[in-house]
Protein backbone atom coordinates (compact mmCIF):
# COMPACT_ATOMS: atom_id res chain seq x y z
CA UNK A 1 26.68 22.22 -15.68
CA UNK A 2 29.14 19.16 -14.58
CA UNK A 3 32.47 20.35 -13.01
CA UNK A 4 35.53 19.38 -15.27
CA UNK A 5 36.80 16.60 -12.57
CA UNK A 6 33.33 15.04 -12.37
CA UNK A 7 33.06 14.79 -16.26
CA UNK A 8 36.50 13.42 -16.45
CA UNK A 9 35.67 10.76 -13.77
CA UNK A 10 32.36 10.00 -15.41
CA UNK A 11 34.10 9.46 -18.89
CA UNK A 12 36.84 7.19 -17.21
CA UNK A 13 34.26 5.23 -15.42
CA UNK A 14 32.25 4.60 -18.57
CA UNK A 15 35.17 3.48 -20.51
CA UNK A 16 36.29 1.29 -17.85
CA UNK A 17 32.73 -0.30 -17.62
CA UNK A 18 32.58 -0.72 -21.26
CA UNK A 19 36.05 -2.57 -21.37
CA UNK A 20 34.72 -4.94 -18.56
CA UNK A 21 31.63 -5.58 -20.51
CA UNK A 22 33.58 -6.33 -23.73
CA UNK A 23 36.02 -8.73 -21.86
CA UNK A 24 33.00 -10.60 -20.50
CA UNK A 25 31.43 -11.01 -23.77
CA UNK A 26 34.79 -12.17 -25.25
CA UNK A 27 35.16 -14.55 -22.40
CA UNK A 28 31.59 -16.08 -22.78
CA UNK A 29 32.07 -16.53 -26.63
CA UNK A 30 35.58 -18.14 -26.23
CA UNK A 31 34.17 -20.53 -23.69
CA UNK A 32 31.43 -21.40 -26.02
CA UNK A 33 33.59 -22.08 -28.88
CA UNK A 34 35.98 -24.01 -26.76
CA UNK A 35 33.24 -26.28 -25.73
CA UNK A 36 32.07 -26.87 -29.04
CA UNK A 37 35.31 -27.72 -30.50
CA UNK A 38 36.33 -29.81 -27.77
CA UNK A 39 33.60 -32.36 -28.15
CA UNK A 40 34.84 -33.12 -31.65
CA UNK A 41 38.42 -32.79 -31.14
CA UNK A 42 38.68 -34.55 -27.77
CA UNK A 43 37.24 -37.56 -29.49
CA UNK A 44 40.02 -37.61 -31.83
CA UNK A 45 37.76 -36.50 -34.84
CA UNK A 46 37.70 -33.84 -37.32
CA UNK A 47 33.92 -32.67 -37.70
CA UNK A 48 32.37 -30.36 -40.34
CA UNK A 49 29.16 -28.46 -40.33
CA UNK A 50 25.63 -29.92 -40.09
CA UNK A 51 24.03 -31.58 -42.91
CA UNK A 52 20.27 -32.07 -43.15
CA UNK A 53 18.45 -34.40 -45.56
CA UNK A 54 14.82 -35.70 -45.66
CA UNK A 55 13.26 -38.46 -47.73
CA UNK A 56 9.63 -40.03 -48.08
CA UNK A 57 8.83 -43.61 -48.32
CA UNK A 58 5.77 -45.95 -48.14
CA UNK A 59 6.99 -47.37 -44.78
CA UNK A 60 9.11 -45.71 -41.87
CA UNK A 61 11.82 -48.28 -42.57
CA UNK A 62 12.01 -47.19 -46.03
CA UNK A 63 11.93 -43.44 -45.40
CA UNK A 64 14.65 -43.87 -42.86
CA UNK A 65 16.86 -45.72 -45.14
CA UNK A 66 16.40 -43.11 -47.93
CA UNK A 67 16.99 -40.24 -45.61
CA UNK A 68 20.26 -41.90 -44.26
CA UNK A 69 21.22 -42.57 -47.80
CA UNK A 70 20.71 -39.17 -48.77
CA UNK A 71 22.71 -37.93 -45.92
CA UNK A 72 25.67 -40.15 -46.89
CA UNK A 73 25.57 -38.87 -50.40
CA UNK A 74 25.38 -35.28 -49.21
CA UNK A 75 28.34 -35.89 -46.84
CA UNK A 76 30.27 -37.81 -49.60
CA UNK A 77 30.54 -34.63 -51.52
CA UNK A 78 32.97 -33.49 -48.86
CA UNK A 79 35.05 -36.59 -49.35
CA UNK A 80 34.11 -40.28 -49.03
CA UNK A 81 35.75 -40.36 -45.78
CA UNK A 82 33.05 -38.28 -44.45
CA UNK A 83 30.05 -40.61 -45.24
CA UNK A 84 30.17 -42.72 -42.02
CA UNK A 85 26.98 -42.00 -40.23
CA UNK A 86 28.30 -43.84 -37.07
CA UNK A 87 31.24 -41.23 -36.77
CA UNK A 88 29.08 -38.30 -36.91
CA UNK A 89 28.12 -36.19 -34.07
CA UNK A 90 24.88 -34.58 -33.27
CA UNK A 91 22.95 -37.13 -35.09
CA UNK A 92 19.06 -37.04 -35.36
CA UNK A 93 16.95 -39.25 -37.38
CA UNK A 94 13.19 -38.06 -36.94
CA UNK A 95 10.16 -39.54 -38.68
CA UNK A 96 6.60 -38.57 -38.97
CA UNK A 97 3.68 -40.22 -40.81
CA UNK A 98 2.05 -38.47 -43.73
CA UNK A 99 -0.76 -39.43 -46.08
CA UNK A 100 0.16 -42.57 -47.80
CA UNK A 101 3.62 -42.95 -46.03
CA UNK A 102 6.31 -41.40 -43.96
CA UNK A 103 8.89 -38.71 -44.06
CA UNK A 104 12.12 -38.72 -42.17
CA UNK A 105 14.75 -36.27 -41.51
CA UNK A 106 18.44 -37.10 -40.95
CA UNK A 107 20.63 -34.34 -39.55
CA UNK A 108 24.31 -34.86 -38.33
CA UNK A 109 27.79 -33.14 -38.54
CA UNK A 110 29.91 -35.62 -40.76
CA UNK A 111 33.30 -36.55 -38.93
CA UNK A 112 36.60 -38.53 -39.77
CA UNK A 113 39.19 -39.72 -37.43
CA UNK A 114 41.84 -37.54 -37.16
CA UNK A 115 44.52 -40.28 -38.27
CA UNK A 116 42.17 -41.61 -40.92
CA UNK A 117 43.71 -42.17 -44.51
CA UNK A 118 41.92 -42.58 -47.84
CA UNK A 119 38.49 -44.04 -47.47
CA UNK A 120 38.46 -43.74 -43.73
CA UNK A 121 41.25 -46.39 -43.36
CA UNK A 122 43.81 -45.74 -40.60
CA UNK A 123 47.31 -44.56 -41.92
CA UNK A 124 50.05 -47.26 -41.87
CA UNK A 125 53.18 -46.39 -39.86
CA UNK A 126 56.36 -45.91 -42.24
CA UNK A 127 58.08 -48.90 -40.49
CA UNK A 128 55.32 -51.54 -41.29
């Protein structure tokens, strides 16, 4: 049987150890979130979640064009200002040959410039 003082010390030690572990976990998660947000926000962009599309074509060029067109259409469902592939982040366009043609996969997080107005055009100042 453990003496009462030892039991209290062990209980206190375990609570303290759990508190430190929790604090470390929160710090790691917070740092990861800050890094992921800063990449998009630091560039003056507002970015949304990953969109992935794929398309097949007779040639690699055709499959790429169709995959990008499908990505733009899907991004456009979020608003026409999100359709610009060149503003997106974490872009990937991968193709592979298949029997009779190619299949390409386009994936990216759509973004808009923070000060973008309708159709992605910069907002005009009130004095202009």
